[in-house]
Amino acid sequence: MRKITVDDIMALRPCSEYTRARVEWLLGGKKALSLMKILVLSIPYRDIIWAVLAFLTPEQLVLFARWCALRVASFWDCPSDVLHWLETGEGGIYWIEDLCYNEHKQAYLRWVDADADTVNEARAAEAASGVTLRATQVVRNAVPVNLLVAKRQTYFMAHDIANFIFISEKCEHRKQIEKLKELVSR
């Protein structure tokens, strides 16, 4: 299992509150930590997710992205072909991405046109369809040349789920961290 060093973290250019000295302190004087150890650090959950996603393999990243999108599939009229793809990974990615794009566009228009009684539900559907569209983009970009793009898309997807759909960032991020623990331990 790969160990993550202070240099590895600093190469990612974390936000300004994560100075080299703070990252060294978080590692507790060790030269490196496993991803599993990073998943239990005492820092904000979103920062743990940000760091761990940067070091996942393409296969782990794809599984996490599909899992995230599957968690919100019930918030919108997710087509059965897309649902099947989320559950199994089977299907042509470009066709699925095109289908998700068109569905997301329709969900956005329903949100824009929603009245006061349905605006929250329409916003959740728009966000959920957007998360699913992003999952297709993660899968398409999870190749060496585009891996950084895929990792950023996955982070923002996890963030959107926590903030715009479930509205309970801490609770949702905890579930995401548990899924990451499962993926990392394989």
C-alpha atoms as a PDB file:
ATOM      1  CA  MET A   1       0.000   0.000   0.000  1.00  0.00           C
ATOM      2  CA  ARG A   2       1.355   3.383  -1.011  1.00  0.00           C
ATOM      3  CA  LYS A   3       2.418   5.786   1.720  1.00  0.00           C
ATOM      4  CA  ILE A   4       1.725   9.510   1.329  1.00  0.00           C
ATOM      5  CA  THR A   5       4.500  11.916   2.307  1.00  0.00           C
ATOM      6  CA  VAL A   6       4.479  15.588   3.240  1.00  0.00           C
ATOM      7  CA  ASP A   7       5.978  16.309  -0.198  1.00  0.00           C
ATOM      8  CA  ASP A   8       3.124  14.384  -1.861  1.00  0.00           C
ATOM      9  CA  ILE A   9       0.545  16.506  -0.031  1.00  0.00           C
ATOM     10  CA  MET A  10       2.371  19.788  -0.652  1.00  0.00           C
ATOM     11  CA  ALA A  11       2.665  18.964  -4.375  1.00  0.00           C
ATOM     12  CA  LEU A  12      -1.148  19.077  -4.494  1.00  0.00           C
ATOM     13  CA  ARG A  13      -1.040  22.741  -3.413  1.00  0.00           C
ATOM     14  CA  PRO A  14      -3.473  22.524  -0.494  1.00  0.00           C
ATOM     15  CA  CYS A  15      -5.232  25.643   0.757  1.00  0.00           C
ATOM     16  CA  SER A  16      -3.210  28.191   2.729  1.00  0.00           C
ATOM     17  CA  GLU A  17      -4.165  26.835   6.160  1.00  0.00           C
ATOM     18  CA  TYR A  18      -2.229  23.646   5.342  1.00  0.00           C
ATOM     19  CA  THR A  19       1.302  24.946   5.567  1.00  0.00           C
ATOM     20  CA  ARG A  20       4.195  22.529   5.339  1.00  0.00           C
ATOM     21  CA  ALA A  21       4.631  22.780   9.125  1.00  0.00           C
ATOM     22  CA  ARG A  22       0.955  21.932   9.729  1.00  0.00           C
ATOM     23  CA  VAL A  23       1.066  18.956   7.353  1.00  0.00           C
ATOM     24  CA  GLU A  24       4.218  17.695   9.090  1.00  0.00           C
ATOM     25  CA  TRP A  25       2.449  18.090  12.450  1.00  0.00           C
ATOM     26  CA  LEU A  26      -0.610  16.188  11.139  1.00  0.00           C
ATOM     27  CA  LEU A  27       1.640  13.317  10.110  1.00  0.00           C
ATOM     28  CA  GLY A  28       2.824  13.203  13.718  1.00  0.00           C
ATOM     29  CA  GLY A  29       6.514  13.179  12.908  1.00  0.00           C
ATOM     30  CA  LYS A  30       6.174  10.197  10.585  1.00  0.00           C
ATOM     31  CA  LYS A  31       7.736  10.325   7.148  1.00  0.00           C
ATOM     32  CA  ALA A  32       4.545   9.057   5.508  1.00  0.00           C
ATOM     33  CA  LEU A  33       1.017   7.839   6.196  1.00  0.00           C
ATOM     34  CA  SER A  34      -1.189   5.310   4.470  1.00  0.00           C
ATOM     35  CA  LEU A  35      -4.457   6.457   2.928  1.00  0.00           C
ATOM     36  CA  MET A  36      -6.257   4.615   5.732  1.00  0.00           C
ATOM     37  CA  LYS A  37      -4.421   6.750   8.318  1.00  0.00           C
ATOM     38  CA  ILE A  38      -5.247   9.921   6.393  1.00  0.00           C
ATOM     39  CA  LEU A  39      -8.925   8.916   6.458  1.00  0.00           C
ATOM     40  CA  VAL A  40      -8.927   9.164  10.265  1.00  0.00           C
ATOM     41  CA  LEU A  41      -7.004  12.429  10.717  1.00  0.00           C
ATOM     42  CA  SER A  42      -8.582  15.090  12.932  1.00  0.00           C
ATOM     43  CA  ILE A  43      -9.212  17.614  10.176  1.00  0.00           C
ATOM     44  CA  PRO A  44     -12.442  18.652   8.429  1.00  0.00           C
ATOM     45  CA  TYR A  45     -14.042  15.798   6.521  1.00  0.00           C
ATOM     46  CA  ARG A  46     -14.019  17.688   3.224  1.00  0.00           C
ATOM     47  CA  ASP A  47     -10.233  18.116   3.543  1.00  0.00           C
ATOM     48  CA  ILE A  48      -9.773  14.397   4.181  1.00  0.00           C
ATOM     49  CA  ILE A  49     -11.857  13.620   1.096  1.00  0.00           C
ATOM     50  CA  TRP A  50      -9.865  16.124  -0.971  1.00  0.00           C
ATOM     51  CA  ALA A  51      -6.564  14.565   0.057  1.00  0.00           C
ATOM     52  CA  VAL A  52      -7.599  10.925  -0.335  1.00  0.00           C
ATOM     53  CA  LEU A  53      -9.232  11.409  -3.742  1.00  0.00           C
ATOM     54  CA  ALA A  54      -5.920  12.737  -5.033  1.00  0.00           C
ATOM     55  CA  PHE A  55      -4.261   9.374  -4.385  1.00  0.00           C
ATOM     56  CA  LEU A  56      -6.938   6.904  -5.461  1.00  0.00           C
ATOM     57  CA  THR A  57      -6.305   4.658  -8.421  1.00  0.00           C
ATOM     58  CA  PRO A  58      -8.450   5.307 -11.494  1.00  0.00           C
ATOM     59  CA  GLU A  59     -10.479   2.187 -10.670  1.00  0.00           C
ATOM     60  CA  GLN A  60     -11.144   3.343  -7.090  1.00  0.00           C
ATOM     61  CA  LEU A  61     -12.047   6.813  -8.345  1.00  0.00           C
ATOM     62  CA  VAL A  62     -14.580   5.418 -10.818  1.00  0.00           C
ATOM     63  CA  LEU A  63     -16.174   3.192  -8.164  1.00  0.00           C
ATOM     64  CA  PHE A  64     -16.453   6.134  -5.760  1.00  0.00           C
ATOM     65  CA  ALA A  65     -17.930   8.417  -8.431  1.00  0.00           C
ATOM     66  CA  ARG A  66     -20.553   5.856  -9.428  1.00  0.00           C
ATOM     67  CA  TRP A  67     -21.363   5.174  -5.739  1.00  0.00           C
ATOM     68  CA  CYS A  68     -21.864   8.906  -5.107  1.00  0.00           C
ATOM     69  CA  ALA A  69     -24.171   9.279  -8.090  1.00  0.00           C
ATOM     70  CA  LEU A  70     -26.116   6.175  -7.115  1.00  0.00           C
ATOM     71  CA  ARG A  71     -26.735   7.700  -3.670  1.00  0.00           C
ATOM     72  CA  VAL A  72     -28.680  10.562  -5.261  1.00  0.00           C
ATOM     73  CA  ALA A  73     -30.388   8.696  -8.119  1.00  0.00           C
ATOM     74  CA  SER A  74     -33.724   8.790  -6.284  1.00  0.00           C
ATOM     75  CA  PHE A  75     -33.738  12.602  -6.268  1.00  0.00           C
ATOM     76  CA  TRP A  76     -34.406  12.815  -9.995  1.00  0.00           C
ATOM     77  CA  ASP A  77     -36.014  10.822 -12.773  1.00  0.00           C
ATOM     78  CA  CYS A  78     -32.884   8.794 -13.406  1.00  0.00           C
ATOM     79  CA  PRO A  79     -33.309   6.810 -16.638  1.00  0.00           C
ATOM     80  CA  SER A  80     -33.153   3.044 -16.172  1.00  0.00           C
ATOM     81  CA  ASP A  81     -30.122   2.756 -18.487  1.00  0.00           C
ATOM     82  CA  VAL A  82     -28.234   5.268 -16.351  1.00  0.00           C
ATOM     83  CA  LEU A  83     -29.284   3.504 -13.154  1.00  0.00           C
ATOM     84  CA  HIS A  84     -28.045   0.200 -14.589  1.00  0.00           C
ATOM     85  CA  TRP A  85     -24.724   1.847 -15.506  1.00  0.00           C
ATOM     86  CA  LEU A  86     -24.359   3.304 -11.997  1.00  0.00           C
ATOM     87  CA  GLU A  87     -24.992  -0.090 -10.428  1.00  0.00           C
ATOM     88  CA  THR A  88     -22.835  -2.207 -12.747  1.00  0.00           C
ATOM     89  CA  GLY A  89     -20.558   0.010 -14.826  1.00  0.00           C
ATOM     90  CA  GLU A  90     -21.933  -1.694 -17.925  1.00  0.00           C
ATOM     91  CA  GLY A  91     -22.889   0.380 -20.941  1.00  0.00           C
ATOM     92  CA  GLY A  92     -21.326   2.762 -23.415  1.00  0.00           C
ATOM     93  CA  ILE A  93     -19.962   5.724 -21.470  1.00  0.00           C
ATOM     94  CA  TYR A  94     -20.426   8.258 -24.267  1.00  0.00           C
ATOM     95  CA  TRP A  95     -24.070   7.283 -24.760  1.00  0.00           C
ATOM     96  CA  ILE A  96     -24.700   7.363 -20.995  1.00  0.00           C
ATOM     97  CA  GLU A  97     -22.956  10.741 -20.694  1.00  0.00           C
ATOM     98  CA  ASP A  98     -25.059  12.167 -23.534  1.00  0.00           C
ATOM     99  CA  LEU A  99     -28.240  10.859 -21.907  1.00  0.00           C
ATOM    100  CA  CYS A 100     -27.217  12.376 -18.552  1.00  0.00           C
ATOM    101  CA  TYR A 101     -26.386  15.695 -20.206  1.00  0.00           C
ATOM    102  CA  ASN A 102     -29.815  15.936 -21.828  1.00  0.00           C
ATOM    103  CA  GLU A 103     -31.595  14.905 -18.616  1.00  0.00           C
ATOM    104  CA  HIS A 104     -29.571  17.406 -16.589  1.00  0.00           C
ATOM    105  CA  LYS A 105     -30.461  20.181 -19.017  1.00  0.00           C
ATOM    106  CA  GLN A 106     -34.165  19.341 -18.592  1.00  0.00           C
ATOM    107  CA  ALA A 107     -33.813  19.209 -14.788  1.00  0.00           C
ATOM    108  CA  TYR A 108     -32.157  22.628 -14.840  1.00  0.00           C
ATOM    109  CA  LEU A 109     -35.020  24.100 -16.865  1.00  0.00           C
ATOM    110  CA  ARG A 110     -37.576  22.595 -14.444  1.00  0.00           C
ATOM    111  CA  TRP A 111     -35.674  24.160 -11.538  1.00  0.00           C
ATOM    112  CA  VAL A 112     -35.575  27.584 -13.227  1.00  0.00           C
ATOM    113  CA  ASP A 113     -39.329  27.415 -13.947  1.00  0.00           C
ATOM    114  CA  ALA A 114     -40.323  25.974 -10.555  1.00  0.00           C
ATOM    115  CA  ASP A 115     -42.804  27.766  -8.353  1.00  0.00           C
ATOM    116  CA  ALA A 116     -42.301  28.348  -4.633  1.00  0.00           C
ATOM    117  CA  ASP A 117     -43.935  25.016  -3.740  1.00  0.00           C
ATOM    118  CA  THR A 118     -41.640  22.878  -5.891  1.00  0.00           C
ATOM    119  CA  VAL A 119     -38.386  24.850  -6.066  1.00  0.00           C
ATOM    120  CA  ASN A 120     -36.539  22.821  -3.409  1.00  0.00           C
ATOM    121  CA  GLU A 121     -37.450  19.504  -4.995  1.00  0.00           C
ATOM    122  CA  ALA A 122     -36.540  20.848  -8.438  1.00  0.00           C
ATOM    123  CA  ARG A 123     -33.187  22.126  -7.126  1.00  0.00           C
ATOM    124  CA  ALA A 124     -32.390  18.723  -5.601  1.00  0.00           C
ATOM    125  CA  ALA A 125     -33.278  17.007  -8.891  1.00  0.00           C
ATOM    126  CA  GLU A 126     -31.082  19.430 -10.838  1.00  0.00           C
ATOM    127  CA  ALA A 127     -28.160  18.889  -8.450  1.00  0.00           C
ATOM    128  CA  ALA A 128     -28.587  15.095  -8.451  1.00  0.00           C
ATOM    129  CA  SER A 129     -28.704  14.896 -12.239  1.00  0.00           C
ATOM    130  CA  GLY A 130     -25.622  17.139 -12.319  1.00  0.00           C
ATOM    131  CA  VAL A 131     -23.807  14.776  -9.960  1.00  0.00           C
ATOM    132  CA  THR A 132     -24.648  11.857 -12.237  1.00  0.00           C
ATOM    133  CA  LEU A 133     -23.448  13.774 -15.294  1.00  0.00           C
ATOM    134  CA  ARG A 134     -20.212  14.523 -13.442  1.00  0.00           C
ATOM    135  CA  ALA A 135     -19.834  10.814 -12.616  1.00  0.00           C
ATOM    136  CA  THR A 136     -19.894  10.001 -16.340  1.00  0.00           C
ATOM    137  CA  GLN A 137     -17.204  12.625 -16.894  1.00  0.00           C
ATOM    138  CA  VAL A 138     -15.082  11.123 -14.120  1.00  0.00           C
ATOM    139  CA  VAL A 139     -15.283   7.721 -15.795  1.00  0.00           C
ATOM    140  CA  ARG A 140     -14.379   9.179 -19.170  1.00  0.00           C
ATOM    141  CA  ASN A 141     -11.464  11.158 -17.675  1.00  0.00           C
ATOM    142  CA  ALA A 142     -10.090   8.412 -15.400  1.00  0.00           C
ATOM    143  CA  VAL A 143      -7.152   7.794 -17.703  1.00  0.00           C
ATOM    144  CA  PRO A 144      -3.576   8.904 -16.976  1.00  0.00           C
ATOM    145  CA  VAL A 145      -3.635  12.006 -19.169  1.00  0.00           C
ATOM    146  CA  ASN A 146      -6.856  13.353 -17.572  1.00  0.00           C
ATOM    147  CA  LEU A 147      -6.665  11.839 -14.102  1.00  0.00           C
ATOM    148  CA  LEU A 148      -6.232  15.175 -12.301  1.00  0.00           C
ATOM    149  CA  VAL A 149      -9.397  16.450 -13.993  1.00  0.00           C
ATOM    150  CA  ALA A 150     -11.278  13.317 -12.917  1.00  0.00           C
ATOM    151  CA  LYS A 151     -10.093  13.706  -9.328  1.00  0.00           C
ATOM    152  CA  ARG A 152     -11.226  17.344  -9.189  1.00  0.00           C
ATOM    153  CA  GLN A 153     -14.599  16.434 -10.703  1.00  0.00           C
ATOM    154  CA  THR A 154     -15.029  13.731  -8.073  1.00  0.00           C
ATOM    155  CA  TYR A 155     -14.228  16.136  -5.239  1.00  0.00           C
ATOM    156  CA  PHE A 156     -16.780  18.678  -6.450  1.00  0.00           C
ATOM    157  CA  MET A 157     -19.315  15.910  -6.974  1.00  0.00           C
ATOM    158  CA  ALA A 158     -18.891  14.771  -3.341  1.00  0.00           C
ATOM    159  CA  HIS A 159     -19.130  18.401  -2.211  1.00  0.00           C
ATOM    160  CA  ASP A 160     -22.322  19.020  -4.207  1.00  0.00           C
ATOM    161  CA  ILE A 161     -23.972  15.936  -2.744  1.00  0.00           C
ATOM    162  CA  ALA A 162     -23.214  17.059   0.807  1.00  0.00           C
ATOM    163  CA  ASN A 163     -24.200  20.690   0.339  1.00  0.00           C
ATOM    164  CA  PHE A 164     -26.997  20.812  -2.203  1.00  0.00           C
ATOM    165  CA  ILE A 165     -28.796  17.509  -1.897  1.00  0.00           C
ATOM    166  CA  PHE A 166     -28.500  16.105   1.599  1.00  0.00           C
ATOM    167  CA  ILE A 167     -27.863  19.531   3.203  1.00  0.00           C
ATOM    168  CA  SER A 168     -26.049  17.786   6.040  1.00  0.00           C
ATOM    169  CA  GLU A 169     -22.438  18.163   5.010  1.00  0.00           C
ATOM    170  CA  LYS A 170     -20.887  16.494   8.050  1.00  0.00           C
ATOM    171  CA  CYS A 171     -23.212  13.474   7.962  1.00  0.00           C
ATOM    172  CA  GLU A 172     -22.814  12.921   4.220  1.00  0.00           C
ATOM    173  CA  HIS A 173     -19.055  13.397   4.294  1.00  0.00           C
ATOM    174  CA  ARG A 174     -18.861  10.760   7.053  1.00  0.00           C
ATOM    175  CA  LYS A 175     -20.651   8.314   4.745  1.00  0.00           C
ATOM    176  CA  GLN A 176     -18.291   9.229   1.926  1.00  0.00           C
ATOM    177  CA  ILE A 177     -15.281   8.633   4.168  1.00  0.00           C
ATOM    178  CA  GLU A 178     -16.657   5.214   5.137  1.00  0.00           C
ATOM    179  CA  LYS A 179     -16.962   4.342   1.439  1.00  0.00           C
ATOM    180  CA  LEU A 180     -13.423   5.555   0.826  1.00  0.00           C
ATOM    181  CA  LYS A 181     -12.192   3.354   3.699  1.00  0.00           C
ATOM    182  CA  GLU A 182     -13.876   0.400   2.034  1.00  0.00           C
ATOM    183  CA  LEU A 183     -12.289   1.184  -1.343  1.00  0.00           C
ATOM    184  CA  VAL A 184      -8.824   1.822   0.099  1.00  0.00           C
ATOM    185  CA  SER A 185      -8.834  -1.400   2.110  1.00  0.00           C
ATOM    186  CA  ARG A 186      -9.384  -3.570  -0.985  1.00  0.00           C
END
